[in-house]
PDB file of N, CA and C in Angstrom:
ATOM      1  N   MET A   1       0.992  -1.230   0.125  1.00  0.00           N
ATOM      2  CA  MET A   1       0.032   0.037  -0.020  1.00  0.00           C
ATOM      3  C   MET A   1       1.052   1.162  -0.025  1.00  0.00           C
ATOM      4  N   THR A   2       0.414   2.122  -0.731  1.00  0.00           N
ATOM      5  CA  THR A   2       1.124   3.742  -0.897  1.00  0.00           C
ATOM      6  C   THR A   2       0.447   4.519  -0.439  1.00  0.00           C
ATOM      7  N   SER A   3       0.912   5.741  -0.023  1.00  0.00           N
ATOM      8  CA  SER A   3       0.286   6.818   0.538  1.00  0.00           C
ATOM      9  C   SER A   3       0.027   8.105  -0.120  1.00  0.00           C
ATOM     10  N   GLY A   4       0.575   8.028  -1.402  1.00  0.00           N
ATOM     11  CA  GLY A   4       0.330   9.423  -2.237  1.00  0.00           C
ATOM     12  C   GLY A   4       0.630   9.042  -3.852  1.00  0.00           C
ATOM     13  N   GLY A   5       0.233   9.858  -4.524  1.00  0.00           N
ATOM     14  CA  GLY A   5       0.514   9.866  -5.878  1.00  0.00           C
ATOM     15  C   GLY A   5       1.919   9.598  -6.358  1.00  0.00           C
ATOM     16  N   THR A   6       2.847  10.514  -6.036  1.00  0.00           N
ATOM     17  CA  THR A   6       4.236  10.129  -6.404  1.00  0.00           C
ATOM     18  C   THR A   6       4.699   8.876  -5.979  1.00  0.00           C
ATOM     19  N   GLU A   7       4.519   8.573  -4.736  1.00  0.00           N
ATOM     20  CA  GLU A   7       5.122   7.225  -4.108  1.00  0.00           C
ATOM     21  C   GLU A   7       4.338   5.997  -5.085  1.00  0.00           C
ATOM     22  N   SER A   8       2.947   6.033  -5.285  1.00  0.00           N
ATOM     23  CA  SER A   8       2.411   5.076  -5.980  1.00  0.00           C
ATOM     24  C   SER A   8       3.038   4.983  -7.373  1.00  0.00           C
ATOM     25  N   ILE A   9       3.585   5.982  -8.172  1.00  0.00           N
ATOM     26  CA  ILE A   9       4.008   5.976  -9.536  1.00  0.00           C
ATOM     27  C   ILE A   9       5.296   5.392  -9.266  1.00  0.00           C
ATOM     28  N   LEU A  10       6.208   5.895  -8.242  1.00  0.00           N
ATOM     29  CA  LEU A  10       7.422   5.134  -7.938  1.00  0.00           C
ATOM     30  C   LEU A  10       7.402   3.639  -7.990  1.00  0.00           C
ATOM     31  N   MET A  11       6.498   3.257  -7.039  1.00  0.00           N
ATOM     32  CA  MET A  11       6.460   1.887  -6.809  1.00  0.00           C
ATOM     33  C   MET A  11       6.059   1.077  -7.983  1.00  0.00           C
ATOM     34  N   ALA A  12       4.987   1.477  -8.870  1.00  0.00           N
ATOM     35  CA  ALA A  12       4.527   1.036 -10.208  1.00  0.00           C
ATOM     36  C   ALA A  12       5.651   0.738 -11.149  1.00  0.00           C
ATOM     37  N   VAL A  13       6.533   1.805 -11.325  1.00  0.00           N
ATOM     38  CA  VAL A  13       7.629   1.852 -12.213  1.00  0.00           C
ATOM     39  C   VAL A  13       8.676   0.850 -11.611  1.00  0.00           C
ATOM     40  N   LYS A  14       8.953   0.816 -10.456  1.00  0.00           N
ATOM     41  CA  LYS A  14       9.761  -0.187  -9.914  1.00  0.00           C
ATOM     42  C   LYS A  14       9.358  -1.420 -10.008  1.00  0.00           C
ATOM     43  N   SER A  15       8.023  -1.873  -9.955  1.00  0.00           N
ATOM     44  CA  SER A  15       7.509  -3.033 -10.091  1.00  0.00           C
ATOM     45  C   SER A  15       7.571  -3.571 -11.623  1.00  0.00           C
ATOM     46  N   ALA A  16       7.328  -2.558 -12.586  1.00  0.00           N
ATOM     47  CA  ALA A  16       7.394  -3.148 -13.971  1.00  0.00           C
ATOM     48  C   ALA A  16       9.111  -3.190 -14.406  1.00  0.00           C
ATOM     49  N   ARG A  17       9.679  -2.388 -13.691  1.00  0.00           N
ATOM     50  CA  ARG A  17      11.193  -2.468 -14.220  1.00  0.00           C
ATOM     51  C   ARG A  17      11.635  -3.935 -13.501  1.00  0.00           C
ATOM     52  N   ASN A  18      11.229  -4.258 -12.275  1.00  0.00           N
ATOM     53  CA  ASN A  18      11.814  -5.383 -11.576  1.00  0.00           C
ATOM     54  C   ASN A  18      11.145  -6.671 -12.438  1.00  0.00           C
ATOM     55  N   TYR A  19      10.086  -6.688 -12.960  1.00  0.00           N
ATOM     56  CA  TYR A  19       9.439  -7.877 -13.749  1.00  0.00           C
ATOM     57  C   TYR A  19       9.945  -7.983 -14.951  1.00  0.00           C
ATOM     58  N   ALA A  20      10.259  -6.874 -15.569  1.00  0.00           N
ATOM     59  CA  ALA A  20      10.809  -6.858 -17.235  1.00  0.00           C
ATOM     60  C   ALA A  20      12.249  -7.712 -17.105  1.00  0.00           C
ATOM     61  N   LYS A  21      13.048  -7.130 -15.741  1.00  0.00           N
ATOM     62  CA  LYS A  21      14.141  -7.817 -15.587  1.00  0.00           C
ATOM     63  C   LYS A  21      14.286  -9.372 -15.238  1.00  0.00           C
ATOM     64  N   ALA A  22      13.147  -9.816 -14.523  1.00  0.00           N
ATOM     65  CA  ALA A  22      12.896 -11.016 -13.982  1.00  0.00           C
ATOM     66  C   ALA A  22      12.609 -11.988 -15.132  1.00  0.00           C
ATOM     67  N   THR A  23      11.428 -11.448 -15.875  1.00  0.00           N
ATOM     68  CA  THR A  23      10.882 -12.444 -16.869  1.00  0.00           C
ATOM     69  C   THR A  23      11.356 -12.444 -18.408  1.00  0.00           C
ATOM     70  N   ARG A  24      12.007 -11.279 -18.766  1.00  0.00           N
ATOM     71  CA  ARG A  24      12.657 -10.991 -19.972  1.00  0.00           C
ATOM     72  C   ARG A  24      14.089 -10.649 -19.964  1.00  0.00           C
ATOM     73  N   GLY A  25      14.637 -10.334 -18.907  1.00  0.00           N
ATOM     74  CA  GLY A  25      15.895 -10.136 -18.876  1.00  0.00           C
ATOM     75  C   GLY A  25      16.353  -8.582 -19.372  1.00  0.00           C
ATOM     76  N   ILE A  26      15.651  -7.783 -19.381  1.00  0.00           N
ATOM     77  CA  ILE A  26      15.696  -6.389 -19.866  1.00  0.00           C
ATOM     78  C   ILE A  26      16.382  -5.721 -18.732  1.00  0.00           C
ATOM     79  N   THR A  27      17.678  -5.118 -19.304  1.00  0.00           N
ATOM     80  CA  THR A  27      18.643  -4.449 -18.304  1.00  0.00           C
ATOM     81  C   THR A  27      18.665  -3.027 -18.555  1.00  0.00           C
ATOM     82  N   GLU A  28      18.035  -2.468 -19.589  1.00  0.00           N
ATOM     83  CA  GLU A  28      18.172  -1.141 -19.822  1.00  0.00           C
ATOM     84  C   GLU A  28      16.537  -0.668 -20.234  1.00  0.00           C
ATOM     85  N   PRO A  29      15.751  -0.547 -19.343  1.00  0.00           N
ATOM     86  CA  PRO A  29      14.337  -0.514 -19.462  1.00  0.00           C
ATOM     87  C   PRO A  29      13.898   0.984 -19.887  1.00  0.00           C
ATOM     88  N   GLU A  30      12.961   1.045 -20.801  1.00  0.00           N
ATOM     89  CA  GLU A  30      12.508   2.164 -21.270  1.00  0.00           C
ATOM     90  C   GLU A  30      10.979   2.290 -20.953  1.00  0.00           C
ATOM     91  N   CYS A  31      10.487   3.714 -20.708  1.00  0.00           N
ATOM     92  CA  CYS A  31       8.993   3.687 -20.625  1.00  0.00           C
ATOM     93  C   CYS A  31       8.459   4.679 -21.731  1.00  0.00           C
ATOM     94  N   VAL A  32       7.501   4.566 -22.539  1.00  0.00           N
ATOM     95  CA  VAL A  32       6.895   5.651 -23.129  1.00  0.00           C
ATOM     96  C   VAL A  32       5.824   6.217 -22.578  1.00  0.00           C
ATOM     97  N   LEU A  33       5.937   7.599 -22.664  1.00  0.00           N
ATOM     98  CA  LEU A  33       5.082   8.427 -22.090  1.00  0.00           C
ATOM     99  C   LEU A  33       4.450   9.524 -22.659  1.00  0.00           C
ATOM    100  N   PRO A  34       3.212  10.012 -22.571  1.00  0.00           N
ATOM    101  CA  PRO A  34       2.753  11.311 -23.379  1.00  0.00           C
ATOM    102  C   PRO A  34       3.330  12.503 -22.623  1.00  0.00           C
ATOM    103  N   LEU A  35       3.653  13.602 -23.042  1.00  0.00           N
ATOM    104  CA  LEU A  35       4.020  14.667 -22.253  1.00  0.00           C
ATOM    105  C   LEU A  35       3.191  15.309 -21.287  1.00  0.00           C
ATOM    106  N   SER A  36       1.859  14.757 -21.415  1.00  0.00           N
ATOM    107  CA  SER A  36       1.045  15.156 -20.305  1.00  0.00           C
ATOM    108  C   SER A  36       1.000  14.343 -18.919  1.00  0.00           C
ATOM    109  N   ALA A  37       1.994  13.300 -18.987  1.00  0.00           N
ATOM    110  CA  ALA A  37       1.997  12.251 -17.898  1.00  0.00           C
ATOM    111  C   ALA A  37       2.605  13.287 -16.530  1.00  0.00           C
ATOM    112  N   HIS A  38       2.312  12.674 -15.385  1.00  0.00           N
ATOM    113  CA  HIS A  38       2.465  13.214 -14.187  1.00  0.00           C
ATOM    114  C   HIS A  38       4.038  13.325 -14.108  1.00  0.00           C
ATOM    115  N   PRO A  39       4.682  14.641 -13.660  1.00  0.00           N
ATOM    116  CA  PRO A  39       5.882  14.770 -13.367  1.00  0.00           C
ATOM    117  C   PRO A  39       6.603  13.651 -12.589  1.00  0.00           C
ATOM    118  N   ALA A  40       6.021  12.902 -11.776  1.00  0.00           N
ATOM    119  CA  ALA A  40       6.660  11.849 -10.987  1.00  0.00           C
ATOM    120  C   ALA A  40       7.348  10.586 -11.849  1.00  0.00           C
ATOM    121  N   PHE A  41       6.750  10.658 -13.104  1.00  0.00           N
ATOM    122  CA  PHE A  41       7.353   9.487 -13.824  1.00  0.00           C
ATOM    123  C   PHE A  41       8.817   9.986 -14.151  1.00  0.00           C
ATOM    124  N   ALA A  42       9.230  11.346 -14.427  1.00  0.00           N
ATOM    125  CA  ALA A  42      10.523  11.726 -14.653  1.00  0.00           C
ATOM    126  C   ALA A  42      11.367  11.392 -13.217  1.00  0.00           C
ATOM    127  N   LYS A  43      10.789  11.567 -12.308  1.00  0.00           N
ATOM    128  CA  LYS A  43      11.815  11.294 -10.882  1.00  0.00           C
ATOM    129  C   LYS A  43      11.707  10.003 -10.793  1.00  0.00           C
ATOM    130  N   ALA A  44      10.725   9.113 -11.001  1.00  0.00           N
ATOM    131  CA  ALA A  44      10.877   7.616 -11.040  1.00  0.00           C
ATOM    132  C   ALA A  44      12.068   7.081 -11.850  1.00  0.00           C
ATOM    133  N   GLY A  45      11.932   7.811 -13.179  1.00  0.00           N
ATOM    134  CA  GLY A  45      12.920   7.236 -14.178  1.00  0.00           C
ATOM    135  C   GLY A  45      14.488   7.423 -13.821  1.00  0.00           C
ATOM    136  N   HIS A  46      14.488   8.655 -13.264  1.00  0.00           N
ATOM    137  CA  HIS A  46      15.776   9.403 -12.801  1.00  0.00           C
ATOM    138  C   HIS A  46      16.259   8.381 -11.622  1.00  0.00           C
ATOM    139  N   TYR A  47      15.479   8.040 -10.579  1.00  0.00           N
ATOM    140  CA  TYR A  47      16.004   7.154  -9.433  1.00  0.00           C
ATOM    141  C   TYR A  47      16.210   5.956  -9.619  1.00  0.00           C
ATOM    142  N   LEU A  48      15.428   5.343 -10.779  1.00  0.00           N
ATOM    143  CA  LEU A  48      15.169   3.785 -10.854  1.00  0.00           C
ATOM    144  C   LEU A  48      16.010   3.334 -12.162  1.00  0.00           C
ATOM    145  N   GLY A  49      16.453   4.220 -13.002  1.00  0.00           N
ATOM    146  CA  GLY A  49      17.568   4.064 -13.952  1.00  0.00           C
ATOM    147  C   GLY A  49      16.636   3.527 -15.139  1.00  0.00           C
ATOM    148  N   VAL A  50      15.486   3.885 -15.291  1.00  0.00           N
ATOM    149  CA  VAL A  50      14.479   3.840 -16.488  1.00  0.00           C
ATOM    150  C   VAL A  50      14.513   4.863 -17.291  1.00  0.00           C
ATOM    151  N   LYS A  51      14.775   4.850 -18.653  1.00  0.00           N
ATOM    152  CA  LYS A  51      14.873   5.863 -19.598  1.00  0.00           C
ATOM    153  C   LYS A  51      13.501   6.164 -19.713  1.00  0.00           C
ATOM    154  N   MET A  52      12.919   7.372 -19.748  1.00  0.00           N
ATOM    155  CA  MET A  52      11.777   7.781 -20.095  1.00  0.00           C
ATOM    156  C   MET A  52      11.730   8.376 -21.505  1.00  0.00           C
ATOM    157  N   VAL A  53      10.729   8.092 -22.547  1.00  0.00           N
ATOM    158  CA  VAL A  53      10.604   8.471 -23.727  1.00  0.00           C
ATOM    159  C   VAL A  53       9.433   9.270 -23.946  1.00  0.00           C
ATOM    160  N   TRP A  54       9.518  10.552 -23.847  1.00  0.00           N
ATOM    161  CA  TRP A  54       8.504  11.462 -23.934  1.00  0.00           C
ATOM    162  C   TRP A  54       7.727  11.631 -25.382  1.00  0.00           C
ATOM    163  N   VAL A  55       6.498  11.591 -25.584  1.00  0.00           N
ATOM    164  CA  VAL A  55       5.964  11.728 -27.014  1.00  0.00           C
ATOM    165  C   VAL A  55       4.994  12.880 -26.736  1.00  0.00           C
ATOM    166  N   GLU A  56       4.726  13.476 -28.095  1.00  0.00           N
ATOM    167  CA  GLU A  56       3.689  14.580 -28.249  1.00  0.00           C
ATOM    168  C   GLU A  56       2.318  13.908 -27.980  1.00  0.00           C
ATOM    169  N   VAL A  57       1.490  15.017 -27.380  1.00  0.00           N
ATOM    170  CA  VAL A  57      -0.292  14.485 -27.395  1.00  0.00           C
ATOM    171  C   VAL A  57      -0.658  14.928 -28.580  1.00  0.00           C
ATOM    172  N   ASP A  58      -1.616  14.273 -29.294  1.00  0.00           N
ATOM    173  CA  ASP A  58      -2.435  14.771 -30.408  1.00  0.00           C
ATOM    174  C   ASP A  58      -3.589  15.612 -29.633  1.00  0.00           C
ATOM    175  N   LYS A  59      -3.651  16.887 -29.924  1.00  0.00           N
ATOM    176  CA  LYS A  59      -4.579  17.805 -29.181  1.00  0.00           C
ATOM    177  C   LYS A  59      -5.977  17.556 -29.925  1.00  0.00           C
ATOM    178  N   ALA A  60      -6.033  17.146 -31.189  1.00  0.00           N
ATOM    179  CA  ALA A  60      -7.395  16.880 -31.802  1.00  0.00           C
ATOM    180  C   ALA A  60      -8.203  15.501 -31.224  1.00  0.00           C
ATOM    181  N   THR A  61      -7.425  14.681 -30.630  1.00  0.00           N
ATOM    182  CA  THR A  61      -8.000  13.399 -29.989  1.00  0.00           C
ATOM    183  C   THR A  61      -7.649  13.326 -28.651  1.00  0.00           C
ATOM    184  N   GLN A  62      -7.164  14.249 -28.146  1.00  0.00           N
ATOM    185  CA  GLN A  62      -6.777  14.161 -26.634  1.00  0.00           C
ATOM    186  C   GLN A  62      -8.078  14.021 -25.698  1.00  0.00           C
ATOM    187  N   VAL A  63      -8.073  13.295 -24.717  1.00  0.00           N
ATOM    188  CA  VAL A  63      -9.254  13.174 -23.934  1.00  0.00           C
ATOM    189  C   VAL A  63      -9.021  13.918 -22.571  1.00  0.00           C
ATOM    190  N   ARG A  64     -10.305  14.868 -22.316  1.00  0.00           N
ATOM    191  CA  ARG A  64     -10.241  15.694 -21.360  1.00  0.00           C
ATOM    192  C   ARG A  64     -11.008  15.056 -20.252  1.00  0.00           C
TER     193      ARG A  64
END
């Protein structure tokens, strides 16, 4: 259980990183995110050694 948004994102990225390494042998993980993603993803990538790949959001189809 986590207590906040940033902590929850950190734990989700950590879990995905560890799972990818254990099941697929991925040692240089990457995560593709929209530019609209929460800034905590950048922090998680920095802390956990996951390369964050940021992509533009199509404003015509963006859900609000």
